[in-house]
Amino acid sequence: MTVTAQIDSTRPVATLINVFSVSPDRQSELIALLARATEETMRHQPGFICANFHASQDGERVINYAQWESEGHYRAMLANLEARVHMDQAAKIAHDVQPRLFRVQSTHQRRTHRDAGRP
């Protein structure tokens, strides 16, 4: 089963958007570390829903878009020693890390031919 981020303003989840600034020559290394940390640790934490990693085309940023069932679940992960090890490793690769929690306020998408009869 494939789990993807469900961006829905009616769904009460904690959305983490973490922006890492990184040297272009280390962008791939950071993404590999984040993916490994997610598979080994993060996805096993209570309340974890999903994580997605985005690489900027200029090589200078990595964005982690992740969802947790609640802010409490996210905060509990931050206190987990195993998770902290991975976060500390990421902070050694990136020269700036800016995690923020968000609430989805509005979503919009392209209409498809299947939506033609809907308002």
Protein backbone atom coordinates (compact mmCIF):
# COMPACT_ATOMS: atom_id res chain seq x y z
CA MET A 1 0.00 0.00 0.00
CA THR A 2 1.34 3.41 -0.95
CA VAL A 3 0.71 6.22 1.52
CA THR A 4 0.91 9.77 0.26
CA ALA A 5 0.32 13.14 1.85
CA GLN A 6 -3.35 13.98 1.87
CA ILE A 7 -3.58 17.73 1.79
CA ASP A 8 -7.04 18.44 3.14
CA SER A 9 -8.11 21.50 5.13
CA THR A 10 -10.80 19.48 6.95
CA ARG A 11 -8.34 16.88 8.25
CA PRO A 12 -6.80 17.79 11.63
CA VAL A 13 -3.17 16.76 11.15
CA ALA A 14 0.07 18.47 12.06
CA THR A 15 1.98 19.32 8.91
CA LEU A 16 5.73 19.73 9.26
CA ILE A 17 7.53 21.75 6.63
CA ASN A 18 11.25 21.65 7.34
CA VAL A 19 13.55 23.68 5.09
CA PHE A 20 17.18 22.61 5.06
CA SER A 21 19.80 24.87 3.49
CA VAL A 22 22.64 22.77 2.15
CA SER A 23 25.67 22.98 -0.13
CA PRO A 24 24.71 21.66 -3.58
CA ASP A 25 27.41 18.99 -3.35
CA ARG A 26 25.72 17.58 -0.21
CA GLN A 27 22.06 17.75 -1.24
CA SER A 28 21.87 14.10 -2.32
CA GLU A 29 23.65 13.00 0.85
CA LEU A 30 21.10 14.85 2.99
CA ILE A 31 18.14 13.36 1.13
CA ALA A 32 19.62 9.86 1.48
CA LEU A 33 20.08 10.42 5.23
CA LEU A 34 16.53 11.72 5.67
CA ALA A 35 15.06 8.82 3.68
CA ARG A 36 17.06 6.29 5.71
CA ALA A 37 16.06 7.98 8.99
CA THR A 38 12.43 7.86 7.93
CA GLU A 39 12.55 4.17 7.03
CA GLU A 40 14.55 3.13 10.09
CA THR A 41 13.01 5.35 12.77
CA MET A 42 10.46 8.04 11.95
CA ARG A 43 7.85 5.84 10.30
CA HIS A 44 7.79 3.64 13.39
CA GLN A 45 6.96 6.54 15.72
CA PRO A 46 3.38 6.78 17.01
CA GLY A 47 1.33 9.22 14.96
CA PHE A 48 3.60 9.26 11.90
CA ILE A 49 1.60 9.50 8.66
CA CYS A 50 4.08 10.27 5.88
CA ALA A 51 7.20 12.15 4.84
CA ASN A 52 8.13 13.55 1.44
CA PHE A 53 11.48 15.04 0.45
CA HIS A 54 11.89 17.69 -2.20
CA ALA A 55 15.20 18.78 -3.72
CA SER A 56 15.48 22.31 -5.10
CA GLN A 57 16.74 22.46 -8.63
CA ASP A 58 19.61 24.76 -7.63
CA GLY A 59 20.80 22.15 -5.11
CA GLU A 60 20.71 24.56 -2.17
CA ARG A 61 17.55 23.41 -0.38
CA VAL A 62 15.84 20.25 0.76
CA ILE A 63 12.24 20.43 1.93
CA ASN A 64 10.72 17.79 4.19
CA TYR A 65 6.91 17.85 3.98
CA ALA A 66 5.66 15.45 6.64
CA GLN A 67 2.38 14.76 8.36
CA TRP A 68 1.73 13.63 11.94
CA GLU A 69 -1.62 12.74 13.48
CA SER A 70 -1.22 15.59 15.98
CA GLU A 71 1.24 18.14 17.28
CA GLY A 72 1.60 15.96 20.37
CA HIS A 73 2.80 13.04 18.25
CA TYR A 74 5.31 15.30 16.51
CA ARG A 75 6.59 16.65 19.86
CA ALA A 76 6.92 13.09 21.23
CA MET A 77 9.07 12.17 18.22
CA LEU A 78 11.32 15.15 18.97
CA ALA A 79 11.94 13.72 22.44
CA ASN A 80 12.81 10.25 21.10
CA LEU A 81 16.56 9.63 21.43
CA GLU A 82 16.78 7.50 18.27
CA ALA A 83 15.04 10.22 16.24
CA ARG A 84 17.33 12.87 17.75
CA VAL A 85 20.41 11.02 16.47
CA HIS A 86 19.11 11.28 12.90
CA MET A 87 18.12 14.93 13.30
CA ASP A 88 21.56 15.76 14.69
CA GLN A 89 23.19 14.03 11.70
CA ALA A 90 21.04 16.06 9.30
CA ALA A 91 21.97 19.27 11.11
CA LYS A 92 25.66 18.46 10.52
CA ILE A 93 25.08 18.25 6.76
CA ALA A 94 22.80 21.28 6.43
CA HIS A 95 24.04 24.72 7.40
CA ASP A 96 20.52 25.89 8.36
CA VAL A 97 17.43 23.93 9.44
CA GLN A 98 14.03 25.58 9.80
CA PRO A 99 11.25 23.22 10.96
CA ARG A 100 7.75 24.68 11.34
CA LEU A 101 4.34 23.13 12.00
CA PHE A 102 1.44 24.24 9.82
CA ARG A 103 -2.32 23.79 9.46
CA VAL A 104 -3.75 23.44 5.97
CA GLN A 105 -6.03 26.40 5.37
CA SER A 106 -7.01 25.96 1.74
CA THR A 107 -6.47 23.44 -1.07
CA HIS A 108 -6.97 23.77 -4.82
CA GLN A 109 -6.43 21.39 -7.67
CA ARG A 110 -6.91 21.19 -11.39
CA ARG A 111 -10.27 19.89 -12.46
CA THR A 112 -10.26 16.71 -14.51
CA HIS A 113 -12.77 15.41 -17.03
CA ARG A 114 -14.26 13.30 -14.20
CA ASP A 115 -15.08 16.53 -12.33
CA ALA A 116 -16.95 18.05 -15.29
CA GLY A 117 -20.42 17.43 -13.82
CA ARG A 118 -19.53 18.71 -10.34
CA PRO A 119 -19.92 22.30 -9.15
